C-alpha atoms as a PDB file:
ATOM      1  CA  UNK A   1     174.539  42.381  74.942  1.00  0.00           C
ATOM      2  CA  UNK A   2     172.635  44.066  77.807  1.00  0.00           C
ATOM      3  CA  UNK A   3     169.401  42.263  76.762  1.00  0.00           C
ATOM      4  CA  UNK A   4     171.315  39.029  76.407  1.00  0.00           C
ATOM      5  CA  UNK A   5     172.755  39.476  79.991  1.00  0.00           C
ATOM      6  CA  UNK A   6     169.212  40.378  81.353  1.00  0.00           C
ATOM      7  CA  UNK A   7     167.668  37.413  79.818  1.00  0.00           C
ATOM      8  CA  UNK A   8     170.516  35.152  81.169  1.00  0.00           C
ATOM      9  CA  UNK A   9     169.740  36.466  84.628  1.00  0.00           C
ATOM     10  CA  UNK A  10     165.962  35.752  84.190  1.00  0.00           C
ATOM     11  CA  UNK A  11     166.706  32.179  83.169  1.00  0.00           C
ATOM     12  CA  UNK A  12     168.820  31.930  86.315  1.00  0.00           C
ATOM     13  CA  UNK A  13     166.131  33.413  88.367  1.00  0.00           C
ATOM     14  CA  UNK A  14     163.324  31.190  86.933  1.00  0.00           C
ATOM     15  CA  UNK A  15     165.289  27.973  87.674  1.00  0.00           C
ATOM     16  CA  UNK A  16     166.323  29.351  91.092  1.00  0.00           C
ATOM     17  CA  UNK A  17     162.888  30.657  92.316  1.00  0.00           C
ATOM     18  CA  UNK A  18     160.378  28.346  90.940  1.00  0.00           C
ATOM     19  CA  UNK A  19     159.719  25.061  92.764  1.00  0.00           C
ATOM     20  CA  UNK A  20     156.824  22.901  91.839  1.00  0.00           C
ATOM     21  CA  UNK A  21     154.905  20.728  94.170  1.00  0.00           C
ATOM     22  CA  UNK A  22     156.113  17.386  94.510  1.00  0.00           C
ATOM     23  CA  UNK A  23     154.674  14.901  91.900  1.00  0.00           C
ATOM     24  CA  UNK A  24     155.101  11.011  91.495  1.00  0.00           C
ATOM     25  CA  UNK A  25     158.531  10.341  90.066  1.00  0.00           C
ATOM     26  CA  UNK A  26     158.203   9.481  86.306  1.00  0.00           C
ATOM     27  CA  UNK A  27     159.953   6.234  84.873  1.00  0.00           C
ATOM     28  CA  UNK A  28     162.332   8.396  82.839  1.00  0.00           C
ATOM     29  CA  UNK A  29     163.650  10.113  85.967  1.00  0.00           C
ATOM     30  CA  UNK A  30     164.477   6.917  87.884  1.00  0.00           C
ATOM     31  CA  UNK A  31     168.214   5.794  88.128  1.00  0.00           C
ATOM     32  CA  UNK A  32     169.488   2.305  88.096  1.00  0.00           C
ATOM     33  CA  UNK A  33     168.691   0.072  91.241  1.00  0.00           C
ATOM     34  CA  UNK A  34     171.570   0.366  93.798  1.00  0.00           C
ATOM     35  CA  UNK A  35     172.405  -3.075  95.436  1.00  0.00           C
ATOM     36  CA  UNK A  36     171.850  -2.598  99.173  1.00  0.00           C
ATOM     37  CA  UNK A  37     174.846  -4.855 100.023  1.00  0.00           C
ATOM     38  CA  UNK A  38     177.278  -2.704  97.943  1.00  0.00           C
ATOM     39  CA  UNK A  39     175.734   0.794  97.897  1.00  0.00           C
ATOM     40  CA  UNK A  40     176.984   1.383  94.408  1.00  0.00           C
ATOM     41  CA  UNK A  41     176.327   0.211  90.807  1.00  0.00           C
ATOM     42  CA  UNK A  42     179.178  -0.360  88.366  1.00  0.00           C
ATOM     43  CA  UNK A  43     178.606  -1.279  84.827  1.00  0.00           C
ATOM     44  CA  UNK A  44     180.733  -1.598  81.562  1.00  0.00           C
ATOM     45  CA  UNK A  45     179.457   0.685  78.810  1.00  0.00           C
ATOM     46  CA  UNK A  46     181.727  -0.821  76.380  1.00  0.00           C
ATOM     47  CA  UNK A  47     185.429  -1.861  75.615  1.00  0.00           C
ATOM     48  CA  UNK A  48     186.801  -1.545  79.204  1.00  0.00           C
ATOM     49  CA  UNK A  49     184.934   1.811  80.033  1.00  0.00           C
ATOM     50  CA  UNK A  50     182.860   1.502  83.136  1.00  0.00           C
ATOM     51  CA  UNK A  51     180.568   4.008  84.932  1.00  0.00           C
ATOM     52  CA  UNK A  52     179.818   4.108  88.658  1.00  0.00           C
ATOM     53  CA  UNK A  53     177.010   5.640  90.747  1.00  0.00           C
ATOM     54  CA  UNK A  54     175.624   5.509  94.271  1.00  0.00           C
ATOM     55  CA  UNK A  55     172.322   6.941  92.925  1.00  0.00           C
ATOM     56  CA  UNK A  56     173.212  10.754  93.191  1.00  0.00           C
ATOM     57  CA  UNK A  57     176.486  11.196  91.411  1.00  0.00           C
ATOM     58  CA  UNK A  58     178.188   9.466  88.472  1.00  0.00           C
ATOM     59  CA  UNK A  59     181.879   9.017  87.353  1.00  0.00           C
ATOM     60  CA  UNK A  60     183.762   6.683  85.156  1.00  0.00           C
ATOM     61  CA  UNK A  61     186.974   4.719  84.749  1.00  0.00           C
ATOM     62  CA  UNK A  62     188.789   2.863  81.964  1.00  0.00           C
ATOM     63  CA  UNK A  63     190.974  -0.285  82.078  1.00  0.00           C
ATOM     64  CA  UNK A  64     193.763   0.064  79.603  1.00  0.00           C
ATOM     65  CA  UNK A  65     195.926  -3.062  80.121  1.00  0.00           C
ATOM     66  CA  UNK A  66     198.633  -0.911  81.564  1.00  0.00           C
ATOM     67  CA  UNK A  67     196.576   0.673  84.397  1.00  0.00           C
ATOM     68  CA  UNK A  68     193.371   2.359  85.262  1.00  0.00           C
ATOM     69  CA  UNK A  69     192.251   5.893  84.186  1.00  0.00           C
ATOM     70  CA  UNK A  70     189.662   7.386  86.604  1.00  0.00           C
ATOM     71  CA  UNK A  71     187.594  10.402  85.967  1.00  0.00           C
ATOM     72  CA  UNK A  72     186.532  12.424  88.905  1.00  0.00           C
ATOM     73  CA  UNK A  73     186.090  11.157  92.566  1.00  0.00           C
ATOM     74  CA  UNK A  74     182.616  12.204  94.055  1.00  0.00           C
ATOM     75  CA  UNK A  75     182.869  12.166  97.923  1.00  0.00           C
ATOM     76  CA  UNK A  76     179.400  10.592  98.136  1.00  0.00           C
ATOM     77  CA  UNK A  77     180.870   7.564  96.266  1.00  0.00           C
ATOM     78  CA  UNK A  78     184.246   7.930  97.909  1.00  0.00           C
ATOM     79  CA  UNK A  79     185.949   4.371  98.793  1.00  0.00           C
ATOM     80  CA  UNK A  80     183.215   2.734  96.871  1.00  0.00           C
ATOM     81  CA  UNK A  81     184.990   3.767  93.730  1.00  0.00           C
ATOM     82  CA  UNK A  82     187.990   1.775  94.616  1.00  0.00           C
ATOM     83  CA  UNK A  83     185.774  -1.164  95.409  1.00  0.00           C
ATOM     84  CA  UNK A  84     183.977  -0.895  91.996  1.00  0.00           C
ATOM     85  CA  UNK A  85     187.328  -0.781  90.212  1.00  0.00           C
ATOM     86  CA  UNK A  86     188.456  -3.911  92.112  1.00  0.00           C
ATOM     87  CA  UNK A  87     185.290  -5.643  90.952  1.00  0.00           C
ATOM     88  CA  UNK A  88     186.463  -5.629  87.336  1.00  0.00           C
ATOM     89  CA  UNK A  89     190.205  -5.470  87.380  1.00  0.00           C
ATOM     90  CA  UNK A  90     193.426  -5.731  89.272  1.00  0.00           C
ATOM     91  CA  UNK A  91     195.089  -3.029  87.447  1.00  0.00           C
ATOM     92  CA  UNK A  92     196.483  -0.071  89.527  1.00  0.00           C
ATOM     93  CA  UNK A  93     195.174   3.430  88.965  1.00  0.00           C
ATOM     94  CA  UNK A  94     197.781   5.353  86.937  1.00  0.00           C
ATOM     95  CA  UNK A  95     195.850   8.368  85.640  1.00  0.00           C
ATOM     96  CA  UNK A  96     193.201  10.652  87.348  1.00  0.00           C
ATOM     97  CA  UNK A  97     191.315  13.349  85.255  1.00  0.00           C
ATOM     98  CA  UNK A  98     189.485  16.189  86.966  1.00  0.00           C
ATOM     99  CA  UNK A  99     186.459  17.198  85.099  1.00  0.00           C
ATOM    100  CA  UNK A 100     186.312  20.701  86.807  1.00  0.00           C
ATOM    101  CA  UNK A 101     187.164  22.054  90.189  1.00  0.00           C
ATOM    102  CA  UNK A 102     184.121  21.486  92.339  1.00  0.00           C
ATOM    103  CA  UNK A 103     184.617  19.338  95.377  1.00  0.00           C
ATOM    104  CA  UNK A 104     181.244  17.522  95.044  1.00  0.00           C
ATOM    105  CA  UNK A 105     182.894  15.857  91.961  1.00  0.00           C
ATOM    106  CA  UNK A 106     186.574  15.442  92.813  1.00  0.00           C
ATOM    107  CA  UNK A 107     186.614  15.983  96.497  1.00  0.00           C
ATOM    108  CA  UNK A 108     187.533  12.360  97.243  1.00  0.00           C
ATOM    109  CA  UNK A 109     190.543  12.209  94.919  1.00  0.00           C
ATOM    110  CA  UNK A 110     192.757  11.805  97.905  1.00  0.00           C
ATOM    111  CA  UNK A 111     191.991   8.154  97.880  1.00  0.00           C
ATOM    112  CA  UNK A 112     193.826   7.640  94.605  1.00  0.00           C
ATOM    113  CA  UNK A 113     197.717   6.960  94.419  1.00  0.00           C
ATOM    114  CA  UNK A 114     199.862   9.917  95.045  1.00  0.00           C
ATOM    115  CA  UNK A 115     202.184   8.896  92.251  1.00  0.00           C
ATOM    116  CA  UNK A 116     199.429   8.715  89.612  1.00  0.00           C
ATOM    117  CA  UNK A 117     199.397  11.442  86.886  1.00  0.00           C
ATOM    118  CA  UNK A 118     196.648  13.972  87.560  1.00  0.00           C
ATOM    119  CA  UNK A 119     195.346  15.842  84.646  1.00  0.00           C
ATOM    120  CA  UNK A 120     193.020  18.723  84.328  1.00  0.00           C
ATOM    121  CA  UNK A 121     192.435  22.153  82.479  1.00  0.00           C
ATOM    122  CA  UNK A 122     194.805  24.867  83.438  1.00  0.00           C
ATOM    123  CA  UNK A 123     191.869  26.873  85.033  1.00  0.00           C
ATOM    124  CA  UNK A 124     190.964  24.041  87.225  1.00  0.00           C
ATOM    125  CA  UNK A 125     194.575  24.142  88.720  1.00  0.00           C
ATOM    126  CA  UNK A 126     194.086  27.755  89.163  1.00  0.00           C
ATOM    127  CA  UNK A 127     190.921  27.103  91.028  1.00  0.00           C
ATOM    128  CA  UNK A 128     192.472  24.455  93.234  1.00  0.00           C
ATOM    129  CA  UNK A 129     195.484  26.607  94.002  1.00  0.00           C
ATOM    130  CA  UNK A 130     193.326  29.380  95.189  1.00  0.00           C
ATOM    131  CA  UNK A 131     191.319  27.296  97.552  1.00  0.00           C
ATOM    132  CA  UNK A 132     194.491  25.891  98.932  1.00  0.00           C
ATOM    133  CA  UNK A 133     196.221  29.222  99.447  1.00  0.00           C
ATOM    134  CA  UNK A 134     193.072  31.013 100.759  1.00  0.00           C
ATOM    135  CA  UNK A 135     193.372  29.833 104.322  1.00  0.00           C
ATOM    136  CA  UNK A 136     189.596  29.288 104.370  1.00  0.00           C
ATOM    137  CA  UNK A 137     187.842  28.343 107.554  1.00  0.00           C
ATOM    138  CA  UNK A 138     186.269  25.245 106.132  1.00  0.00           C
ATOM    139  CA  UNK A 139     188.322  22.510 104.245  1.00  0.00           C
ATOM    140  CA  UNK A 140     187.782  22.017 100.665  1.00  0.00           C
ATOM    141  CA  UNK A 141     184.848  19.787 100.123  1.00  0.00           C
ATOM    142  CA  UNK A 142     183.796  19.536 103.919  1.00  0.00           C
ATOM    143  CA  UNK A 143     179.942  19.837 102.863  1.00  0.00           C
ATOM    144  CA  UNK A 144     180.212  16.493 101.178  1.00  0.00           C
ATOM    145  CA  UNK A 145     182.895  14.760 103.264  1.00  0.00           C
ATOM    146  CA  UNK A 146     185.700  15.650 100.831  1.00  0.00           C
ATOM    147  CA  UNK A 147     189.150  16.744 101.548  1.00  0.00           C
ATOM    148  CA  UNK A 148     192.062  18.611  99.920  1.00  0.00           C
ATOM    149  CA  UNK A 149     192.959  16.937  96.547  1.00  0.00           C
ATOM    150  CA  UNK A 150     196.160  16.286  94.786  1.00  0.00           C
ATOM    151  CA  UNK A 151     197.100  19.155  92.440  1.00  0.00           C
ATOM    152  CA  UNK A 152     196.971  18.472  88.725  1.00  0.00           C
ATOM    153  CA  UNK A 153     200.625  17.324  87.458  1.00  0.00           C
ATOM    154  CA  UNK A 154     199.603  17.774  83.743  1.00  0.00           C
ATOM    155  CA  UNK A 155     197.559  20.667  82.521  1.00  0.00           C
ATOM    156  CA  UNK A 156     196.331  22.039  79.187  1.00  0.00           C
ATOM    157  CA  UNK A 157     194.591  25.029  77.642  1.00  0.00           C
ATOM    158  CA  UNK A 158     192.627  23.693  74.694  1.00  0.00           C
ATOM    159  CA  UNK A 159     193.095  19.978  73.889  1.00  0.00           C
ATOM    160  CA  UNK A 160     194.817  16.938  75.392  1.00  0.00           C
ATOM    161  CA  UNK A 161     194.845  13.549  74.047  1.00  0.00           C
ATOM    162  CA  UNK A 162     195.582  10.763  76.579  1.00  0.00           C
ATOM    163  CA  UNK A 163     196.663   7.398  75.148  1.00  0.00           C
ATOM    164  CA  UNK A 164     197.195   4.501  77.686  1.00  0.00           C
ATOM    165  CA  UNK A 165     197.571   1.119  76.394  1.00  0.00           C
ATOM    166  CA  UNK A 166     194.285   0.127  74.526  1.00  0.00           C
ATOM    167  CA  UNK A 167     192.341   3.258  75.452  1.00  0.00           C
ATOM    168  CA  UNK A 168     192.180   6.878  74.051  1.00  0.00           C
ATOM    169  CA  UNK A 169     190.496   9.919  75.736  1.00  0.00           C
ATOM    170  CA  UNK A 170     190.213  13.150  74.084  1.00  0.00           C
ATOM    171  CA  UNK A 171     189.999  16.223  76.515  1.00  0.00           C
ATOM    172  CA  UNK A 172     188.748  19.505  75.080  1.00  0.00           C
ATOM    173  CA  UNK A 173     187.906  22.917  76.633  1.00  0.00           C
ATOM    174  CA  UNK A 174     185.254  24.703  74.717  1.00  0.00           C
ATOM    175  CA  UNK A 175     185.199  27.728  76.918  1.00  0.00           C
ATOM    176  CA  UNK A 176     183.436  28.685  80.246  1.00  0.00           C
ATOM    177  CA  UNK A 177     180.017  27.319  81.200  1.00  0.00           C
ATOM    178  CA  UNK A 178     179.216  25.637  84.513  1.00  0.00           C
ATOM    179  CA  UNK A 179     182.607  26.483  85.898  1.00  0.00           C
ATOM    180  CA  UNK A 180     185.920  27.797  84.342  1.00  0.00           C
ATOM    181  CA  UNK A 181     187.877  24.628  83.328  1.00  0.00           C
ATOM    182  CA  UNK A 182     184.929  22.281  82.892  1.00  0.00           C
ATOM    183  CA  UNK A 183     186.078  20.085  80.171  1.00  0.00           C
ATOM    184  CA  UNK A 184     184.643  17.622  77.589  1.00  0.00           C
ATOM    185  CA  UNK A 185     186.077  13.972  78.015  1.00  0.00           C
ATOM    186  CA  UNK A 186     185.543  11.966  75.111  1.00  0.00           C
ATOM    187  CA  UNK A 187     186.128   8.185  74.384  1.00  0.00           C
ATOM    188  CA  UNK A 188     185.803   7.844  70.637  1.00  0.00           C
ATOM    189  CA  UNK A 189     186.186   4.004  70.555  1.00  0.00           C
ATOM    190  CA  UNK A 190     183.215   3.607  73.018  1.00  0.00           C
ATOM    191  CA  UNK A 191     181.300   6.743  71.753  1.00  0.00           C
ATOM    192  CA  UNK A 192     180.958   7.846  75.441  1.00  0.00           C
ATOM    193  CA  UNK A 193     181.050  11.543  76.365  1.00  0.00           C
ATOM    194  CA  UNK A 194     181.514  12.791  79.920  1.00  0.00           C
ATOM    195  CA  UNK A 195     180.500  16.377  80.425  1.00  0.00           C
ATOM    196  CA  UNK A 196     179.457  17.346  83.898  1.00  0.00           C
ATOM    197  CA  UNK A 197     176.772  19.584  85.493  1.00  0.00           C
ATOM    198  CA  UNK A 198     175.123  20.587  82.196  1.00  0.00           C
ATOM    199  CA  UNK A 199     172.670  17.815  81.429  1.00  0.00           C
ATOM    200  CA  UNK A 200     170.136  16.157  84.042  1.00  0.00           C
ATOM    201  CA  UNK A 201     168.678  13.279  82.310  1.00  0.00           C
ATOM    202  CA  UNK A 202     165.035  13.040  83.050  1.00  0.00           C
ATOM    203  CA  UNK A 203     165.096  16.124  85.353  1.00  0.00           C
ATOM    204  CA  UNK A 204     165.346  19.878  85.216  1.00  0.00           C
ATOM    205  CA  UNK A 205     168.731  21.372  86.067  1.00  0.00           C
ATOM    206  CA  UNK A 206     169.473  22.344  89.738  1.00  0.00           C
ATOM    207  CA  UNK A 207     168.654  25.754  90.891  1.00  0.00           C
ATOM    208  CA  UNK A 208     170.391  28.563  89.071  1.00  0.00           C
ATOM    209  CA  UNK A 209     170.986  26.314  85.901  1.00  0.00           C
ATOM    210  CA  UNK A 210     173.192  24.114  88.284  1.00  0.00           C
ATOM    211  CA  UNK A 211     174.832  27.296  89.626  1.00  0.00           C
ATOM    212  CA  UNK A 212     176.281  28.003  86.228  1.00  0.00           C
ATOM    213  CA  UNK A 213     179.068  30.695  86.383  1.00  0.00           C
ATOM    214  CA  UNK A 214     178.475  31.579  82.681  1.00  0.00           C
ATOM    215  CA  UNK A 215     174.802  31.327  81.809  1.00  0.00           C
ATOM    216  CA  UNK A 216     175.223  31.971  77.996  1.00  0.00           C
ATOM    217  CA  UNK A 217     178.127  29.428  78.045  1.00  0.00           C
ATOM    218  CA  UNK A 218     175.823  26.942  79.777  1.00  0.00           C
ATOM    219  CA  UNK A 219     173.145  27.429  77.189  1.00  0.00           C
ATOM    220  CA  UNK A 220     175.603  26.927  74.463  1.00  0.00           C
ATOM    221  CA  UNK A 221     177.127  23.819  75.916  1.00  0.00           C
ATOM    222  CA  UNK A 222     173.789  21.938  74.745  1.00  0.00           C
ATOM    223  CA  UNK A 223     174.843  22.469  71.118  1.00  0.00           C
ATOM    224  CA  UNK A 224     178.566  21.465  71.898  1.00  0.00           C
ATOM    225  CA  UNK A 225     177.449  18.284  73.442  1.00  0.00           C
ATOM    226  CA  UNK A 226     175.303  17.451  70.475  1.00  0.00           C
ATOM    227  CA  UNK A 227     178.245  18.059  68.098  1.00  0.00           C
ATOM    228  CA  UNK A 228     179.812  14.878  69.413  1.00  0.00           C
ATOM    229  CA  UNK A 229     179.227  11.468  68.097  1.00  0.00           C
ATOM    230  CA  UNK A 230     178.068   9.752  71.367  1.00  0.00           C
ATOM    231  CA  UNK A 231     175.807   7.074  72.341  1.00  0.00           C
ATOM    232  CA  UNK A 232     176.000   7.546  76.132  1.00  0.00           C
ATOM    233  CA  UNK A 233     176.735  10.694  78.240  1.00  0.00           C
ATOM    234  CA  UNK A 234     178.138  10.651  81.758  1.00  0.00           C
ATOM    235  CA  UNK A 235     176.601  13.830  83.022  1.00  0.00           C
ATOM    236  CA  UNK A 236     177.686  13.777  86.744  1.00  0.00           C
ATOM    237  CA  UNK A 237     174.227  13.508  88.437  1.00  0.00           C
ATOM    238  CA  UNK A 238     171.440  11.090  89.184  1.00  0.00           C
ATOM    239  CA  UNK A 239     171.943   7.438  88.969  1.00  0.00           C
ATOM    240  CA  UNK A 240     171.668   7.073  85.217  1.00  0.00           C
ATOM    241  CA  UNK A 241     173.380   7.701  81.889  1.00  0.00           C
ATOM    242  CA  UNK A 242     172.183  10.219  79.431  1.00  0.00           C
ATOM    243  CA  UNK A 243     171.399   9.546  75.805  1.00  0.00           C
ATOM    244  CA  UNK A 244     171.100  12.210  72.929  1.00  0.00           C
ATOM    245  CA  UNK A 245     167.337  12.610  73.314  1.00  0.00           C
ATOM    246  CA  UNK A 246     167.871  13.726  77.005  1.00  0.00           C
ATOM    247  CA  UNK A 247     170.144  16.585  75.703  1.00  0.00           C
ATOM    248  CA  UNK A 248     167.623  17.521  72.895  1.00  0.00           C
ATOM    249  CA  UNK A 249     164.724  17.646  75.457  1.00  0.00           C
ATOM    250  CA  UNK A 250     166.732  19.695  77.902  1.00  0.00           C
ATOM    251  CA  UNK A 251     167.913  22.068  75.170  1.00  0.00           C
ATOM    252  CA  UNK A 252     164.079  22.686  74.091  1.00  0.00           C
ATOM    253  CA  UNK A 253     163.268  23.318  77.884  1.00  0.00           C
ATOM    254  CA  UNK A 254     166.030  25.853  78.137  1.00  0.00           C
ATOM    255  CA  UNK A 255     165.133  27.582  74.793  1.00  0.00           C
ATOM    256  CA  UNK A 256     161.539  27.873  75.922  1.00  0.00           C
ATOM    257  CA  UNK A 257     162.479  29.444  79.257  1.00  0.00           C
ATOM    258  CA  UNK A 258     164.886  31.791  77.348  1.00  0.00           C
ATOM    259  CA  UNK A 259     162.025  32.858  74.720  1.00  0.00           C
ATOM    260  CA  UNK A 260     159.417  33.281  77.550  1.00  0.00           C
ATOM    261  CA  UNK A 261     161.963  35.368  79.499  1.00  0.00           C
ATOM    262  CA  UNK A 262     162.264  37.703  76.509  1.00  0.00           C
ATOM    263  CA  UNK A 263     158.446  37.931  76.432  1.00  0.00           C
ATOM    264  CA  UNK A 264     158.131  38.756  80.024  1.00  0.00           C
ATOM    265  CA  UNK A 265     160.732  41.493  79.584  1.00  0.00           C
ATOM    266  CA  UNK A 266     158.614  43.052  77.059  1.00  0.00           C
ATOM    267  CA  UNK A 267     155.193  42.807  78.855  1.00  0.00           C
ATOM    268  CA  UNK A 268     155.869  43.386  82.554  1.00  0.00           C
ATOM    269  CA  UNK A 269     155.675  47.217  83.192  1.00  0.00           C
ATOM    270  CA  UNK A 270     158.565  48.333  85.315  1.00  0.00           C
ATOM    271  CA  UNK A 271     157.090  51.728  85.899  1.00  0.00           C
ATOM    272  CA  UNK A 272     153.807  50.264  86.940  1.00  0.00           C
ATOM    273  CA  UNK A 273     155.555  48.359  89.634  1.00  0.00           C
ATOM    274  CA  UNK A 274     157.586  51.425  90.586  1.00  0.00           C
ATOM    275  CA  UNK A 275     154.367  53.275  90.944  1.00  0.00           C
ATOM    276  CA  UNK A 276     153.315  50.630  93.571  1.00  0.00           C
ATOM    277  CA  UNK A 277     156.582  50.195  95.530  1.00  0.00           C
ATOM    278  CA  UNK A 278     157.921  53.735  95.060  1.00  0.00           C
ATOM    279  CA  UNK A 279     161.691  54.581  94.372  1.00  0.00           C
ATOM    280  CA  UNK A 280     162.708  55.006  98.062  1.00  0.00           C
ATOM    281  CA  UNK A 281     163.540  51.402  98.649  1.00  0.00           C
ATOM    282  CA  UNK A 282     165.472  50.352  95.432  1.00  0.00           C
ATOM    283  CA  UNK A 283     166.076  46.821  96.651  1.00  0.00           C
ATOM    284  CA  UNK A 284     162.268  46.379  96.973  1.00  0.00           C
ATOM    285  CA  UNK A 285     161.546  47.897  93.612  1.00  0.00           C
ATOM    286  CA  UNK A 286     164.030  45.525  91.734  1.00  0.00           C
ATOM    287  CA  UNK A 287     163.019  42.542  93.770  1.00  0.00           C
ATOM    288  CA  UNK A 288     159.375  43.177  92.932  1.00  0.00           C
ATOM    289  CA  UNK A 289     160.035  43.715  89.302  1.00  0.00           C
ATOM    290  CA  UNK A 290     162.316  40.602  88.861  1.00  0.00           C
ATOM    291  CA  UNK A 291     159.711  38.484  90.858  1.00  0.00           C
ATOM    292  CA  UNK A 292     157.010  39.700  88.537  1.00  0.00           C
ATOM    293  CA  UNK A 293     159.085  38.974  85.322  1.00  0.00           C
ATOM    294  CA  UNK A 294     160.150  35.604  86.635  1.00  0.00           C
ATOM    295  CA  UNK A 295     156.488  34.742  87.502  1.00  0.00           C
ATOM    296  CA  UNK A 296     155.430  35.777  83.931  1.00  0.00           C
ATOM    297  CA  UNK A 297     158.062  33.448  82.496  1.00  0.00           C
ATOM    298  CA  UNK A 298     156.982  30.631  84.634  1.00  0.00           C
ATOM    299  CA  UNK A 299     153.305  31.143  83.741  1.00  0.00           C
ATOM    300  CA  UNK A 300     154.321  30.908  80.077  1.00  0.00           C
ATOM    301  CA  UNK A 301     156.604  27.817  80.605  1.00  0.00           C
ATOM    302  CA  UNK A 302     154.729  25.589  83.006  1.00  0.00           C
ATOM    303  CA  UNK A 303     151.768  24.588  80.678  1.00  0.00           C
ATOM    304  CA  UNK A 304     154.033  22.766  78.353  1.00  0.00           C
ATOM    305  CA  UNK A 305     156.336  21.120  80.820  1.00  0.00           C
ATOM    306  CA  UNK A 306     154.422  20.511  84.048  1.00  0.00           C
END
């Protein structure tokens, strides 16, 4: 368990500390074109399920014949979500689903009707209650233009099936990964899966494995995603949808980092570094050691991926 935790830390450090020189953007990393007059892209994936992006974030909504189900509310898209919905239907918003508690994905939920049903995992509600009761100096979501959001009215622990009109969504919690309460949202009819802040199609994850709170859970989430029968994945970031191949490629990349971190742990000599730094400044010793291990991991990883 100790080695597993150390390796998780090293994977985190590798993603956090390594920045490669800017290179031309490959075609597979480019998102969909965003119309300048609208500032957003809305597209039907199938059978009344639509995804929306402004180029940096993604979310989705479904028309049901009895109202609209929306999933998430990134503040960077904000009011454009309502415009995108109005582009395709006159149905009112009746249900709102939160993928998880992070403000960059749900911080604009205040634009939705107050009388809608708000659905989330029970841990997400706990996180949001903690924020609202903390008396924090800066409001929730301030860094991306968000605001306090409506509290979930319906929560669940393991599974929740939402049936509205002609649409079905299966909400499942498979355990901690990016954030406690980060759920899988699956539309079986359309074969569309929404799982946020795990997969970054055409890109490496953000620093710190997208700031994963549970690194082993983050790594395991790749296999959970692949266990679903999906054609398209709404992954939360970048202006594009992911496909199964994107998940497989990122899984291989993360596995390489994990394996190379293990090699680095076995080859970088802690005592040789301690001989150079001494033991008086413990912070210097451990920073120097972890930097050396991280660099070794990077040296082993980059030739294949850069």
